[in-house]
Structure formats: structure tokens, C-alpha cells
Amino acid sequence: MAKYSIVVPFNNEEENVTALYARLKQVMEQVGECFELVLVDDGSRDRTYKLMEEIAAVDSRVLLIKLRRNFGQTSALAAGFDHASGEFILAMDGDLQHDPNDIPRFIEKLAEGYDVVSGWRKERVDNFMLRCLPSLCANWLMAKLSGVRIHDFGTTFKAYRREVIHSIPLYGEMHRFIPALAAWYGASICEIPIRSLPRERGRSHYGLGRTLGVFFDLMTIRFLLKYMSRPLHFFGLLGTMGMLAGSVISTVLLGIKILNPHQSLMEAHGPMFVIGAVLIVAGIQLLALGLLGELQVRHYNTGQNRAPYAIERIARLQATEEPSLLPEA
């Protein structure tokens, strides 16, 4: 079993995959420990996977994972994490904007006993308005909401202990919030500055349109961190408040009706009557939603987790010097 696994997802990166492999190989051989490179093709439509096969044909330390379609970066990382054999797992992007020469610094922090080592793009080279400013705002919000005091949640360049990353369920676009989820599990986290390199070749997959999705993910993470195992505490509180407010309004209206039996409540207090009724009904619905959430949590904790990806094939060089193509069972 390898000591270090480097997981790299690729999506239409034919211009970068060979160069990144060469740099990773050079750095990891200088480290001097047993390692493997887990290269994940996330539904590329160019020659990315073909080049990955050529790499695997000459290096048995390379494990290829080809997904059936483009599932997104989080799912590609999850596939790599699930099939990595290393005691320590490092993840990075495949666009050459992460410098492999920073890897030894991650390894040093892992050796000090940290469970998660997160990269910090302290000096970014991206467009300020389209990338840097939205990232600064999102990172500030995430630090406030999660209580994890790091500067850069969004970068993929991170290192993990195997048991920590395997305890975190990944789906949607949750890869950027792994430190917050790891902290919920009690992991020790540190941050190191990394070099942010300009993209030399290929086209960026990031844009301003992702900002709204990040905002929704922030709301999701906040809810998960506080109420993941007890959703009834959130929905039950709102439902109880709604029912109490509706009951108070209804009681006041009932008192008015008793004191003035000939007065029409709908004519004199119609809006308040409707608001009270709606609050009571909404409160009951929120309580029911909380109970359904509790059932889902119980089902999740007792059932089998499904992978958020589908693998077409896995390849690694065999003793016969031919790459094997192993269909996923």
C-alpha cells in the first residue's frame, strides 16, 4: 500500500495532463516515500483519458478512474478518495494552477499530526472582480458560519489523513467545505500558504455564475453543521413558534368574539383571523417536516451510502506490462 496518494480530477485538460504528471512524478520521487497517482477523468470529451492511458502504460504507480459522464469536481474527488490506497491523501486541480513543489510542505504538516492541511492562495493571480472578490466574501462567510478559522475554503489543494477523508460524505459541490465538515468530526486542521499559478493552457471551468451556487452551499453547510443529526430541533423550533403565535392570535380573537358576540370577526378582524390560521397550519407542517427529517437521518445512519458517481473503468499497469481495464462491479 502506498503511503501517499495524489488525487487529481481532470475535465478536458489534454494540454495539461502530461505536464502535471511529469511534475508530480519528479516531486514525489524526491520525497522518497512510496506513492501513487490517482487520476480521475470526469467525463472529458477531448484526448485527456487517452493521454492518461499512455501514462499508466509506463508507470504502475498510476491508477486511472474514468467516470461515465461529467459528474462534477466533488464526485470526481470522491471517486479518487474511495479508490486511493495511501495512508495520506492529497488532492489538487489538474489545470497546473497548483504547484506540485508545495506538496512537501503539506507532508511536513501531516507529519506534525494534523488531520487536514488546507492550502491558502494568499497571493492570487485571478481576476479580482470575477474570482478574488467573490472568493473573499464566501471564505469570510464560511469561516464565520463554520467556526473554522482558515482563509481559503475553495481551493482543492489539500491533504488529509485517510481515515478522516473517508468519514466525510461528499456530494453536490461539498468539496470546498471539507475543512468545515472535518471540524464537525473533530479533525485537527491547519493552513499553509501555497503558490497560485496563472493558467498557461486550456480554458478555465470557473466563472461568476458559480457564486450563487456557493451561497446556497453555505446555507446548506450551516444547516448541516448545526442540525445534521437533529433536524427536528430546527424545524420544530420554527413550527412551535408559528403555532404559539397563531394560538395567541386565535385566543385574542376568541376573547373579542365572546365579549362582542354580535360582531363579525371576518369583517372587523379578517386579516388577523387568516394570519392566525396560517401560522398554526404552517407550524404543524414544519413539525411534520422535522419529524420526516429525523426519519431520513435514521435511514441514512442505518442504510448503505450510495456513491455520487458511476465508474466506466479502472486501469493500472500489471506485471505483463499491459494496462488492465477493469470494469466496475
Protein backbone atom coordinates (compact mmCIF):
# COMPACT_ATOMS: atom_id res chain seq x y z
CA MET A 1 0.00 0.00 0.00
CA ALA A 2 1.27 3.46 -0.90
CA LYS A 3 2.00 5.95 1.85
CA TYR A 4 0.82 8.92 -0.21
CA SER A 5 -1.98 9.09 -2.77
CA ILE A 6 -2.24 12.16 -5.01
CA VAL A 7 -5.80 12.52 -6.33
CA VAL A 8 -6.24 14.73 -9.40
CA PRO A 9 -9.58 15.17 -11.24
CA PHE A 10 -9.41 16.14 -14.91
CA ASN A 11 -12.06 17.53 -17.22
CA ASN A 12 -10.92 18.40 -20.74
CA GLU A 13 -7.31 19.07 -19.71
CA GLU A 14 -5.46 17.38 -22.58
CA GLU A 15 -2.98 20.25 -22.70
CA ASN A 16 -2.03 19.89 -19.02
CA VAL A 17 -2.28 16.22 -18.03
CA THR A 18 1.15 15.10 -19.28
CA ALA A 19 2.99 18.13 -17.88
CA LEU A 20 1.31 17.77 -14.50
CA TYR A 21 2.19 14.06 -14.34
CA ALA A 22 5.85 14.84 -15.05
CA ARG A 23 5.97 17.49 -12.29
CA LEU A 24 4.18 15.28 -9.77
CA LYS A 25 6.45 12.34 -10.51
CA GLN A 26 9.55 14.46 -10.04
CA VAL A 27 8.39 15.93 -6.73
CA MET A 28 7.16 12.66 -5.23
CA GLU A 29 10.32 10.79 -6.20
CA GLN A 30 12.30 13.47 -4.37
CA VAL A 31 10.10 12.93 -1.30
CA GLY A 32 11.39 9.37 -1.28
CA GLU A 33 8.27 7.60 0.03
CA CYS A 34 6.02 5.08 -1.71
CA PHE A 35 3.26 6.92 -3.59
CA GLU A 36 0.54 6.53 -6.19
CA LEU A 37 -1.13 8.98 -8.55
CA VAL A 38 -4.91 8.60 -8.78
CA LEU A 39 -6.00 10.35 -11.98
CA VAL A 40 -9.77 10.74 -12.42
CA ASP A 41 -11.27 11.56 -15.81
CA ASP A 42 -14.53 13.40 -15.12
CA GLY A 43 -16.26 12.86 -18.46
CA SER A 44 -13.68 14.57 -20.68
CA ARG A 45 -14.55 14.91 -24.35
CA ASP A 46 -11.03 15.55 -25.61
CA ARG A 47 -7.89 13.37 -25.51
CA THR A 48 -7.45 13.64 -21.73
CA TYR A 49 -8.19 9.99 -20.95
CA LYS A 50 -6.16 8.74 -23.92
CA LEU A 51 -3.13 10.59 -22.58
CA MET A 52 -3.82 9.22 -19.10
CA GLU A 53 -3.79 5.68 -20.55
CA GLU A 54 -0.43 6.35 -22.15
CA ILE A 55 0.90 7.48 -18.78
CA ALA A 56 -0.46 4.40 -16.99
CA ALA A 57 1.11 2.15 -19.63
CA VAL A 58 4.60 3.14 -18.47
CA ASP A 59 4.05 3.79 -14.74
CA SER A 60 2.45 1.20 -12.43
CA ARG A 61 2.10 3.86 -9.71
CA VAL A 62 -0.69 5.50 -11.73
CA LEU A 63 -4.30 4.48 -11.12
CA LEU A 64 -6.83 5.66 -13.69
CA ILE A 65 -10.52 6.16 -12.98
CA LYS A 66 -12.84 7.03 -15.85
CA LEU A 67 -16.31 8.26 -14.93
CA ARG A 68 -19.19 7.56 -17.28
CA ARG A 69 -20.04 11.24 -17.63
CA ASN A 70 -19.20 14.62 -16.13
CA PHE A 71 -20.38 14.32 -12.51
CA GLY A 72 -18.62 17.43 -11.23
CA GLN A 73 -15.49 18.05 -9.22
CA THR A 74 -16.83 16.84 -5.88
CA SER A 75 -17.91 13.48 -7.28
CA ALA A 76 -14.62 13.08 -9.16
CA LEU A 77 -12.71 13.72 -5.94
CA ALA A 78 -14.96 11.28 -4.08
CA ALA A 79 -14.17 8.59 -6.66
CA GLY A 80 -10.46 9.25 -6.23
CA PHE A 81 -10.65 9.22 -2.43
CA ASP A 82 -12.63 5.97 -2.40
CA HIS A 83 -10.06 4.14 -4.54
CA ALA A 84 -6.89 5.69 -3.11
CA SER A 85 -4.82 3.30 -1.02
CA GLY A 86 -2.48 5.78 0.64
CA GLU A 87 -2.22 6.46 4.35
CA PHE A 88 -2.26 10.15 3.46
CA ILE A 89 -4.28 11.57 0.58
CA LEU A 90 -3.54 14.82 -1.22
CA ALA A 91 -5.89 16.45 -3.71
CA MET A 92 -5.18 19.11 -6.30
CA ASP A 93 -6.56 20.51 -9.56
CA GLY A 94 -5.41 19.29 -12.95
CA ASP A 95 -5.01 22.70 -14.59
CA LEU A 96 -1.43 23.38 -13.40
CA GLN A 97 -2.56 26.30 -11.24
CA HIS A 98 -1.43 24.31 -8.19
CA ASP A 99 2.33 23.93 -7.85
CA PRO A 100 3.41 20.34 -7.07
CA ASN A 101 6.50 21.79 -5.38
CA ASP A 102 4.23 22.76 -2.46
CA ILE A 103 3.48 19.09 -1.71
CA PRO A 104 6.45 18.56 0.69
CA ARG A 105 5.13 21.37 2.88
CA PHE A 106 1.76 19.59 3.13
CA ILE A 107 3.60 16.40 4.06
CA GLU A 108 5.53 18.21 6.80
CA LYS A 109 2.28 19.37 8.42
CA LEU A 110 0.77 15.89 8.19
CA ALA A 111 3.90 14.55 9.91
CA GLU A 112 3.29 17.05 12.73
CA GLY A 113 -0.01 15.29 13.44
CA TYR A 114 -2.62 17.41 11.67
CA ASP A 115 -5.59 15.59 10.14
CA VAL A 116 -6.33 18.16 7.42
CA VAL A 117 -3.85 20.58 5.82
CA SER A 118 -5.55 23.22 3.68
CA GLY A 119 -3.87 25.38 1.08
CA TRP A 120 -4.23 29.16 1.20
CA ARG A 121 -3.91 31.12 -2.05
CA LYS A 122 -2.54 34.13 -0.21
CA GLU A 123 -1.50 35.97 -3.36
CA ARG A 124 -3.94 35.16 -6.13
CA VAL A 125 -3.38 35.83 -9.81
CA ASP A 126 -7.06 35.57 -10.85
CA ASN A 127 -9.32 38.40 -11.98
CA PHE A 128 -10.17 40.42 -8.88
CA MET A 129 -13.83 41.19 -9.63
CA LEU A 130 -14.79 37.84 -11.14
CA ARG A 131 -12.81 35.47 -8.90
CA CYS A 132 -10.98 37.08 -5.98
CA LEU A 133 -13.72 39.32 -4.53
CA PRO A 134 -16.49 36.66 -4.57
CA SER A 135 -13.99 34.18 -3.09
CA LEU A 136 -13.03 36.57 -0.28
CA CYS A 137 -16.68 37.12 0.62
CA ALA A 138 -17.52 33.41 0.51
CA ASN A 139 -14.48 32.46 2.59
CA TRP A 140 -15.27 35.11 5.21
CA LEU A 141 -18.85 33.88 5.48
CA MET A 142 -17.77 30.26 5.65
CA ALA A 143 -15.29 30.98 8.44
CA LYS A 144 -18.00 32.80 10.42
CA LEU A 145 -20.67 30.15 9.86
CA SER A 146 -18.47 27.11 10.48
CA GLY A 147 -16.15 28.43 13.18
CA VAL A 148 -13.12 27.09 11.25
CA ARG A 149 -10.61 29.94 11.06
CA ILE A 150 -8.96 29.41 7.71
CA HIS A 151 -8.70 31.85 4.82
CA ASP A 152 -9.34 29.68 1.77
CA PHE A 153 -12.06 27.03 1.75
CA GLY A 154 -12.41 26.93 -2.03
CA THR A 155 -9.06 25.56 -3.16
CA THR A 156 -8.88 21.85 -3.95
CA PHE A 157 -5.21 21.71 -2.89
CA LYS A 158 -5.48 19.98 0.48
CA ALA A 159 -4.04 16.98 2.31
CA TYR A 160 -5.88 14.53 4.55
CA ARG A 161 -5.37 11.53 6.72
CA ARG A 162 -7.09 8.58 5.09
CA GLU A 163 -9.47 7.84 7.98
CA VAL A 164 -10.60 11.48 8.14
CA ILE A 165 -11.48 11.98 4.49
CA HIS A 166 -13.22 8.59 4.34
CA SER A 167 -15.52 9.61 7.20
CA ILE A 168 -16.86 12.64 5.30
CA PRO A 169 -19.73 12.08 2.84
CA LEU A 170 -19.14 14.06 -0.38
CA TYR A 171 -21.86 15.04 -2.84
CA GLY A 172 -23.09 18.08 -4.73
CA GLU A 173 -20.34 20.72 -4.53
CA MET A 174 -19.24 20.00 -0.98
CA HIS A 175 -15.53 19.52 -1.70
CA ARG A 176 -14.80 23.16 -0.94
CA PHE A 177 -16.27 22.76 2.55
CA ILE A 178 -14.33 19.66 3.59
CA PRO A 179 -12.45 21.52 6.38
CA ALA A 180 -15.74 22.61 7.96
CA LEU A 181 -17.17 19.09 7.74
CA ALA A 182 -13.92 17.61 9.07
CA ALA A 183 -14.01 20.01 12.02
CA TRP A 184 -17.50 18.72 12.84
CA TYR A 185 -15.95 15.24 13.12
CA GLY A 186 -13.26 16.60 15.47
CA ALA A 187 -10.34 16.74 13.00
CA SER A 188 -7.34 18.99 13.65
CA ILE A 189 -6.87 21.50 10.82
CA CYS A 190 -4.10 23.84 9.76
CA GLU A 191 -3.47 26.08 6.77
CA ILE A 192 -0.34 26.79 4.74
CA PRO A 193 0.22 29.43 2.03
CA ILE A 194 0.52 27.98 -1.47
CA ARG A 195 1.56 29.43 -4.79
CA SER A 196 -1.28 30.38 -7.11
CA LEU A 197 -0.09 29.99 -10.69
CA PRO A 198 -1.77 31.51 -13.77
CA ARG A 199 -3.39 29.05 -16.15
CA GLU A 200 -0.98 28.59 -19.05
CA ARG A 201 -3.05 26.31 -21.27
CA GLY A 202 -6.67 25.29 -21.64
CA ARG A 203 -9.87 27.03 -20.62
CA SER A 204 -10.99 27.78 -17.07
CA HIS A 205 -14.07 25.95 -15.77
CA TYR A 206 -14.82 28.61 -13.17
CA GLY A 207 -16.84 31.80 -13.51
CA LEU A 208 -19.03 34.33 -11.78
CA GLY A 209 -22.07 32.10 -12.34
CA ARG A 210 -20.82 29.73 -9.62
CA THR A 211 -21.18 32.43 -6.93
CA LEU A 212 -24.91 31.89 -6.39
CA GLY A 213 -24.37 28.16 -6.04
CA VAL A 214 -21.68 28.80 -3.43
CA PHE A 215 -24.14 30.94 -1.46
CA PHE A 216 -26.69 28.11 -1.41
CA ASP A 217 -23.93 25.68 -0.39
CA LEU A 218 -23.06 27.99 2.51
CA MET A 219 -26.64 27.80 3.74
CA THR A 220 -26.57 24.02 3.39
CA ILE A 221 -23.30 23.68 5.28
CA ARG A 222 -24.52 25.91 8.11
CA PHE A 223 -27.60 23.76 8.47
CA LEU A 224 -25.63 20.52 8.25
CA LEU A 225 -23.03 21.57 10.81
CA LYS A 226 -25.63 22.55 13.39
CA TYR A 227 -28.61 20.32 12.69
CA MET A 228 -27.31 17.40 10.58
CA SER A 229 -28.18 14.82 13.24
CA ARG A 230 -31.18 16.64 14.75
CA PRO A 231 -33.28 18.40 12.08
CA LEU A 232 -36.32 18.41 14.37
CA HIS A 233 -34.53 20.95 16.60
CA PHE A 234 -34.54 23.42 13.69
CA PHE A 235 -37.93 22.78 12.11
CA GLY A 236 -39.53 22.00 15.47
CA LEU A 237 -38.44 25.37 16.88
CA LEU A 238 -39.87 27.27 13.90
CA GLY A 239 -43.05 25.18 13.95
CA THR A 240 -43.58 25.68 17.68
CA MET A 241 -43.06 29.44 17.35
CA GLY A 242 -45.57 29.55 14.50
CA MET A 243 -48.17 27.55 16.40
CA LEU A 244 -47.72 29.66 19.54
CA ALA A 245 -48.09 32.91 17.61
CA GLY A 246 -51.16 31.56 15.79
CA SER A 247 -52.65 30.34 19.06
CA VAL A 248 -52.17 33.73 20.73
CA ILE A 249 -53.88 35.48 17.82
CA SER A 250 -56.70 32.95 17.84
CA THR A 251 -57.16 33.31 21.62
CA VAL A 252 -57.38 37.10 21.35
CA LEU A 253 -59.92 36.84 18.55
CA LEU A 254 -61.92 34.29 20.57
CA GLY A 255 -61.97 36.71 23.52
CA ILE A 256 -63.17 39.52 21.27
CA LYS A 257 -65.93 37.26 19.94
CA ILE A 258 -67.03 36.32 23.46
CA LEU A 259 -67.13 39.96 24.56
CA ASN A 260 -68.87 41.07 21.35
CA PRO A 261 -70.99 38.11 20.21
CA HIS A 262 -72.83 40.14 17.58
CA GLN A 263 -69.66 41.42 15.90
CA SER A 264 -68.45 39.71 12.72
CA LEU A 265 -64.82 38.72 13.16
CA MET A 266 -64.18 38.40 9.42
CA GLU A 267 -65.41 41.93 8.79
CA ALA A 268 -63.64 43.53 11.74
CA HIS A 269 -60.51 41.37 12.04
CA GLY A 270 -60.38 39.31 8.85
CA PRO A 271 -56.63 39.67 8.16
CA MET A 272 -55.68 38.72 11.73
CA PHE A 273 -58.01 35.71 11.57
CA VAL A 274 -56.29 34.48 8.38
CA ILE A 275 -52.78 35.12 9.76
CA GLY A 276 -53.53 33.16 12.93
CA ALA A 277 -54.89 30.21 10.98
CA VAL A 278 -51.94 30.20 8.56
CA LEU A 279 -49.42 30.31 11.42
CA ILE A 280 -50.99 27.31 13.13
CA VAL A 281 -51.13 25.26 9.92
CA ALA A 282 -47.57 26.26 8.93
CA GLY A 283 -46.33 25.33 12.41
CA ILE A 284 -47.87 21.88 12.15
CA GLN A 285 -46.28 21.42 8.71
CA LEU A 286 -42.83 22.44 9.97
CA LEU A 287 -43.11 19.99 12.87
CA ALA A 288 -44.05 17.25 10.42
CA LEU A 289 -41.10 18.23 8.20
CA GLY A 290 -38.78 17.98 11.18
CA LEU A 291 -40.08 14.52 12.02
CA LEU A 292 -39.58 13.42 8.41
CA GLY A 293 -36.04 14.79 8.63
CA GLU A 294 -35.41 12.70 11.73
CA LEU A 295 -36.60 9.62 9.85
CA GLN A 296 -34.23 10.44 6.99
CA VAL A 297 -31.32 10.80 9.40
CA ARG A 298 -32.12 7.42 10.95
CA HIS A 299 -32.40 5.86 7.49
CA TYR A 300 -29.08 7.41 6.45
CA ASN A 301 -27.28 6.17 9.54
CA THR A 302 -28.59 2.62 9.21
CA GLY A 303 -28.61 2.16 5.43
CA GLN A 304 -25.87 1.89 2.83
CA ASN A 305 -24.41 5.06 1.36
CA ARG A 306 -24.52 5.32 -2.40
CA ALA A 307 -21.55 6.73 -4.29
CA PRO A 308 -22.26 10.05 -6.09
CA TYR A 309 -20.57 8.80 -9.26
CA ALA A 310 -20.57 5.91 -11.74
CA ILE A 311 -17.29 4.42 -12.96
CA GLU A 312 -16.84 3.16 -16.51
CA ARG A 313 -13.41 1.57 -15.99
CA ILE A 314 -10.37 1.47 -13.71
CA ALA A 315 -6.89 0.92 -15.13
CA ARG A 316 -3.48 0.11 -13.64
CA LEU A 317 -0.38 -1.38 -15.22
CA GLN A 318 0.01 -5.10 -14.50
CA ALA A 319 3.08 -7.33 -14.40
CA THR A 320 2.59 -8.18 -18.10
CA GLU A 321 3.38 -4.51 -18.90
CA GLU A 322 -0.08 -4.05 -20.40
CA PRO A 323 -2.69 -1.70 -18.88
CA SER A 324 -5.61 -3.62 -17.46
CA LEU A 325 -9.13 -2.31 -17.93
CA LEU A 326 -11.25 -3.43 -15.01
CA PRO A 327 -14.98 -2.73 -15.33
CA GLU A 328 -16.50 -1.58 -12.07
CA ALA A 329 -18.74 -4.20 -10.50
